[in-house]
Amino acid sequence: MPVNSQPLDDKVAKKMGLDDADYNDRTIMSQRIGKMFDFLDEEDRKIDLKTRIEWKWRSIKDFFYNVKYAVINHMKWHKTIRRLRPWEGFDGLNSVMQTHLRLYIDYEEKYGHSEENYKMRKISTAREVLMLLKQMKEPVDYSSKRRDAVDKRYPDYQYLITEYANSTSYSGDFVAQGNGWVGKESGNDPREGYFEFVDGRLELATSPNMAETDRLLADIHKYHTEIHEAYAQAEIDSEKDFDNLAQLLKENFYTWWD
């Protein structure tokens, strides 16, 4: 995508002298065929002392300007930089992009010299990207937010906790009924129904109220279905944010900065 020039704010244009009559004078003085700035290569061109001093002074100012911004950057970027790790991948890149966009938005609001409508559009699209990056910072948030929304609609299901010699596992979904538990085990061939503990082991037993057991099991099956749908929707949410981010970057990457 080519870089296009941006319309200047009228006050900035006036301050820069771009609306002066002399600047806009299109009277032809001479014409020839050549390369751009080829006059700089002319052997007989003489650069006066004043120009040489101005160039030298400009290089000195540029040096101190770079030193100044090196200090400023260390102050503004130190929190981001100290958290970066070479193995972080997208998380590290995300942090850098967020920091840079926050600084850009602040700078554009204070010093941007594009026309007001153009300037505000740049700021709003940069903020939109910043919001997307915040959403994309933790990939697991997509699924956890969707799952949390499902969990709020159901009882606080509990797990079967199995302790081994060197580890502990948590599996299944269970809810209390009477002196036992109604639930469904995890795994490829899970048992489900009404359970009670016999000699420290969870075993199927006769339900004290089969209608209630069936109702609770139906809720658990519905819960599992909604959890599966929540994870599928989380994938859709993530893909949508990536698509939106790609489109916003494509449309604005070259136009945010003046």
Protein backbone atom coordinates (compact mmCIF):
# COMPACT_ATOMS: atom_id res chain seq x y z
CA MET A 1 0.00 0.00 0.00
CA PRO A 2 1.59 3.32 -1.04
CA VAL A 3 2.14 6.15 1.42
CA ASN A 4 -0.10 9.12 0.67
CA SER A 5 0.45 12.71 1.74
CA GLN A 6 -1.77 13.98 4.54
CA PRO A 7 -3.75 17.24 4.55
CA LEU A 8 -2.20 19.82 6.86
CA ASP A 9 -4.08 21.82 9.43
CA ASP A 10 -4.53 25.43 8.21
CA LYS A 11 -2.75 26.92 11.24
CA VAL A 12 0.22 24.60 10.79
CA ALA A 13 0.41 25.37 7.08
CA LYS A 14 0.40 29.08 7.82
CA LYS A 15 3.08 28.69 10.49
CA MET A 16 5.26 26.77 8.03
CA GLY A 17 4.73 29.44 5.41
CA LEU A 18 3.09 27.07 2.98
CA ASP A 19 0.32 29.52 2.17
CA ASP A 20 2.64 32.44 1.37
CA ALA A 21 2.40 33.98 -2.06
CA ASP A 22 6.13 33.46 -2.66
CA TYR A 23 5.86 29.76 -1.86
CA ASN A 24 2.90 29.28 -4.18
CA ASP A 25 4.40 31.31 -7.03
CA ARG A 26 4.48 28.99 -10.06
CA THR A 27 6.37 31.37 -12.39
CA ILE A 28 8.80 29.29 -14.50
CA MET A 29 12.39 30.52 -14.19
CA SER A 30 14.14 27.80 -16.20
CA GLN A 31 13.76 24.23 -17.41
CA ARG A 32 16.13 21.33 -18.19
CA ILE A 33 16.29 17.54 -18.13
CA GLY A 34 18.24 15.86 -15.35
CA LYS A 35 18.11 13.90 -12.12
CA MET A 36 16.65 15.23 -8.90
CA PHE A 37 19.21 17.32 -6.94
CA ASP A 38 21.88 16.71 -9.58
CA PHE A 39 23.11 20.24 -8.92
CA LEU A 40 24.68 18.92 -5.72
CA ASP A 41 27.12 16.89 -7.83
CA GLU A 42 28.38 19.83 -9.84
CA GLU A 43 32.14 20.17 -9.33
CA ASP A 44 32.10 23.93 -9.57
CA ARG A 45 29.36 24.33 -6.96
CA LYS A 46 30.66 26.40 -4.04
CA ILE A 47 29.20 25.89 -0.57
CA ASP A 48 29.68 29.10 1.39
CA LEU A 49 30.93 29.21 4.96
CA LYS A 50 27.55 30.23 6.36
CA THR A 51 25.91 27.15 4.87
CA ARG A 52 28.67 24.88 6.19
CA ILE A 53 28.25 26.35 9.69
CA GLU A 54 24.48 25.90 9.51
CA TRP A 55 24.91 22.25 8.48
CA LYS A 56 27.39 21.65 11.29
CA TRP A 57 25.14 23.32 13.85
CA ARG A 58 22.22 21.21 12.63
CA SER A 59 24.26 18.01 13.08
CA ILE A 60 25.18 19.09 16.63
CA LYS A 61 21.52 19.79 17.44
CA ASP A 62 20.53 16.42 15.97
CA PHE A 63 23.09 14.70 18.19
CA PHE A 64 21.73 16.26 21.38
CA TYR A 65 18.17 15.66 20.16
CA ASN A 66 18.97 11.95 19.82
CA VAL A 67 20.55 11.89 23.28
CA LYS A 68 17.47 13.61 24.71
CA TYR A 69 15.12 11.04 23.17
CA ALA A 70 17.36 8.16 24.24
CA VAL A 71 16.82 9.28 27.84
CA ILE A 72 13.10 9.86 27.31
CA ASN A 73 12.69 6.44 25.67
CA HIS A 74 14.46 4.73 28.57
CA MET A 75 11.99 6.37 30.95
CA LYS A 76 8.88 5.57 28.89
CA TRP A 77 9.86 2.10 27.71
CA HIS A 78 11.66 0.63 30.73
CA LYS A 79 8.58 -1.21 32.07
CA THR A 80 7.93 -2.80 28.69
CA ILE A 81 11.56 -3.64 27.93
CA ARG A 82 12.33 -5.20 31.31
CA ARG A 83 9.45 -7.66 30.85
CA LEU A 84 10.44 -8.78 27.36
CA ARG A 85 11.81 -12.28 26.89
CA PRO A 86 13.13 -13.70 23.59
CA TRP A 87 10.84 -16.75 23.87
CA GLU A 88 7.62 -14.80 24.40
CA GLY A 89 6.62 -14.53 20.75
CA PHE A 90 3.30 -12.72 20.23
CA ASP A 91 3.00 -11.69 23.88
CA GLY A 92 6.24 -9.70 23.67
CA LEU A 93 5.34 -8.18 20.31
CA ASN A 94 1.89 -7.33 21.65
CA SER A 95 3.42 -5.43 24.59
CA VAL A 96 5.72 -3.44 22.30
CA MET A 97 2.86 -2.55 19.95
CA GLN A 98 0.66 -1.43 22.84
CA THR A 99 3.36 0.81 24.32
CA HIS A 100 4.20 2.35 20.95
CA LEU A 101 0.55 3.03 20.11
CA ARG A 102 -0.12 4.62 23.51
CA LEU A 103 2.85 6.96 22.98
CA TYR A 104 1.77 7.67 19.41
CA ILE A 105 -1.80 8.54 20.46
CA ASP A 106 -0.52 10.89 23.17
CA TYR A 107 1.89 12.56 20.73
CA GLU A 108 -0.74 12.86 17.98
CA GLU A 109 -3.23 14.45 20.37
CA LYS A 110 -0.68 17.06 21.49
CA TYR A 111 1.33 17.75 18.35
CA GLY A 112 -0.43 16.23 15.32
CA HIS A 113 -0.65 18.75 12.48
CA SER A 114 -3.10 17.03 10.13
CA GLU A 115 -6.55 18.46 9.50
CA GLU A 116 -8.78 17.92 12.55
CA ASN A 117 -11.05 15.27 10.99
CA TYR A 118 -8.06 13.40 9.58
CA LYS A 119 -6.23 13.66 12.90
CA MET A 120 -9.19 12.35 14.93
CA ARG A 121 -9.65 9.43 12.56
CA LYS A 122 -6.00 8.44 13.02
CA ILE A 123 -6.38 8.60 16.79
CA SER A 124 -9.65 6.63 16.84
CA THR A 125 -8.30 3.82 14.63
CA ALA A 126 -5.11 3.63 16.72
CA ARG A 127 -7.26 3.34 19.86
CA GLU A 128 -9.30 0.61 18.21
CA VAL A 129 -6.13 -1.37 17.50
CA LEU A 130 -4.94 -0.77 21.07
CA MET A 131 -8.22 -2.19 22.37
CA LEU A 132 -7.86 -5.27 20.15
CA LEU A 133 -4.28 -5.83 21.31
CA LYS A 134 -5.43 -5.71 24.94
CA GLN A 135 -8.09 -8.33 24.19
CA MET A 136 -5.52 -10.50 22.41
CA LYS A 137 -2.86 -10.17 25.14
CA GLU A 138 -3.87 -13.45 26.84
CA PRO A 139 -5.16 -16.04 24.34
CA VAL A 140 -6.72 -18.13 27.14
CA ASP A 141 -8.98 -15.19 28.02
CA TYR A 142 -11.16 -15.92 25.00
CA SER A 143 -12.09 -19.37 26.31
CA SER A 144 -12.09 -18.45 30.01
CA LYS A 145 -14.52 -15.55 29.50
CA ARG A 146 -16.89 -17.74 27.50
CA ARG A 147 -16.61 -20.58 30.03
CA ASP A 148 -17.16 -18.24 32.97
CA ALA A 149 -20.40 -17.02 31.35
CA VAL A 150 -21.62 -20.64 31.11
CA ASP A 151 -20.50 -21.52 34.65
CA LYS A 152 -22.62 -18.70 36.10
CA ARG A 153 -25.77 -20.37 34.78
CA TYR A 154 -25.13 -23.73 36.47
CA PRO A 155 -24.45 -25.11 39.96
CA ASP A 156 -20.90 -25.12 41.22
CA TYR A 157 -19.97 -28.56 39.90
CA GLN A 158 -17.19 -30.36 41.72
CA TYR A 159 -14.48 -32.76 40.58
CA LEU A 160 -13.57 -36.28 41.58
CA ILE A 161 -10.20 -35.85 43.27
CA THR A 162 -7.95 -38.91 42.98
CA GLU A 163 -4.66 -38.98 44.84
CA TYR A 164 -1.82 -41.18 43.63
CA ALA A 165 1.60 -41.83 45.12
CA ASN A 166 3.20 -38.88 43.32
CA SER A 167 0.32 -36.90 41.84
CA THR A 168 -3.31 -35.80 42.09
CA SER A 169 -5.95 -35.72 39.35
CA TYR A 170 -9.22 -33.83 39.05
CA SER A 171 -11.91 -35.20 36.76
CA GLY A 172 -15.62 -35.27 35.96
CA ASP A 173 -18.50 -33.04 37.04
CA PHE A 174 -20.55 -33.85 40.14
CA VAL A 175 -23.32 -32.23 42.17
CA ALA A 176 -24.63 -33.36 45.55
CA GLN A 177 -27.90 -35.31 45.90
CA GLY A 178 -28.84 -36.63 49.30
CA ASN A 179 -25.92 -38.57 50.76
CA GLY A 180 -24.27 -39.08 47.39
CA TRP A 181 -23.30 -37.42 44.13
CA VAL A 182 -24.84 -37.20 40.69
CA GLY A 183 -22.40 -36.77 37.86
CA LYS A 184 -20.41 -37.96 34.90
CA GLU A 185 -16.83 -39.15 34.97
CA SER A 186 -14.14 -37.98 32.58
CA GLY A 187 -12.43 -40.21 30.04
CA ASN A 188 -13.28 -42.22 26.92
CA ASP A 189 -15.75 -44.57 28.63
CA PRO A 190 -17.16 -42.53 31.54
CA ARG A 191 -19.71 -43.77 34.04
CA GLU A 192 -22.61 -41.49 34.91
CA GLY A 193 -25.50 -41.58 37.35
CA TYR A 194 -25.86 -41.55 41.11
CA PHE A 195 -22.65 -42.33 43.05
CA GLU A 196 -21.69 -42.99 46.64
CA PHE A 197 -18.31 -43.59 48.23
CA VAL A 198 -17.70 -47.20 49.23
CA ASP A 199 -14.47 -47.90 51.14
CA GLY A 200 -13.01 -44.64 49.81
CA ARG A 201 -13.92 -45.35 46.17
CA LEU A 202 -16.66 -43.67 44.15
CA GLU A 203 -19.14 -46.32 43.02
CA LEU A 204 -22.49 -46.31 41.21
CA ALA A 205 -25.41 -46.81 43.61
CA THR A 206 -29.20 -46.84 43.67
CA SER A 207 -30.59 -43.31 43.53
CA PRO A 208 -32.90 -42.21 46.34
CA ASN A 209 -34.86 -40.20 43.75
CA MET A 210 -34.31 -41.27 40.14
CA ALA A 211 -36.36 -38.43 38.69
CA GLU A 212 -34.13 -35.91 40.44
CA THR A 213 -31.03 -37.82 39.33
CA ASP A 214 -32.21 -37.75 35.70
CA ARG A 215 -32.88 -34.01 35.96
CA LEU A 216 -29.43 -33.32 37.38
CA LEU A 217 -27.79 -35.51 34.72
CA ALA A 218 -29.71 -33.67 31.98
CA ASP A 219 -28.34 -30.38 33.36
CA ILE A 220 -24.81 -31.78 33.34
CA HIS A 221 -25.17 -32.93 29.71
CA LYS A 222 -26.52 -29.49 28.77
CA TYR A 223 -23.62 -27.90 30.65
CA HIS A 224 -21.08 -29.99 28.70
CA THR A 225 -22.76 -29.03 25.41
CA GLU A 226 -22.67 -25.32 26.26
CA ILE A 227 -19.03 -25.55 27.37
CA HIS A 228 -18.14 -27.16 24.02
CA GLU A 229 -20.04 -24.40 22.19
CA ALA A 230 -18.30 -21.76 24.35
CA TYR A 231 -14.86 -23.03 23.32
CA ALA A 232 -15.94 -23.08 19.67
CA GLN A 233 -17.21 -19.49 19.98
CA ALA A 234 -13.94 -18.47 21.66
CA GLU A 235 -12.11 -19.66 18.53
CA ILE A 236 -14.45 -17.55 16.40
CA ASP A 237 -13.90 -14.52 18.64
CA SER A 238 -10.13 -14.89 18.38
CA GLU A 239 -10.21 -15.27 14.58
CA LYS A 240 -12.49 -12.24 14.28
CA ASP A 241 -10.10 -10.09 16.34
CA PHE A 242 -7.14 -11.23 14.22
CA ASP A 243 -9.05 -10.36 11.04
CA ASN A 244 -10.04 -6.94 12.42
CA LEU A 245 -6.46 -6.26 13.52
CA ALA A 246 -5.10 -7.21 10.10
CA GLN A 247 -7.63 -4.97 8.33
CA LEU A 248 -6.98 -1.99 10.61
CA LEU A 249 -3.21 -2.34 10.18
CA LYS A 250 -3.60 -2.64 6.42
CA GLU A 251 -5.76 0.49 6.21
CA ASN A 252 -3.89 2.67 8.70
CA PHE A 253 -0.31 1.47 9.19
CA TYR A 254 1.14 3.99 6.73
CA THR A 255 -1.23 6.83 7.61
CA TRP A 256 -1.05 7.01 11.41
CA TRP A 257 2.32 8.75 11.36
CA ASP A 258 2.75 12.10 9.59
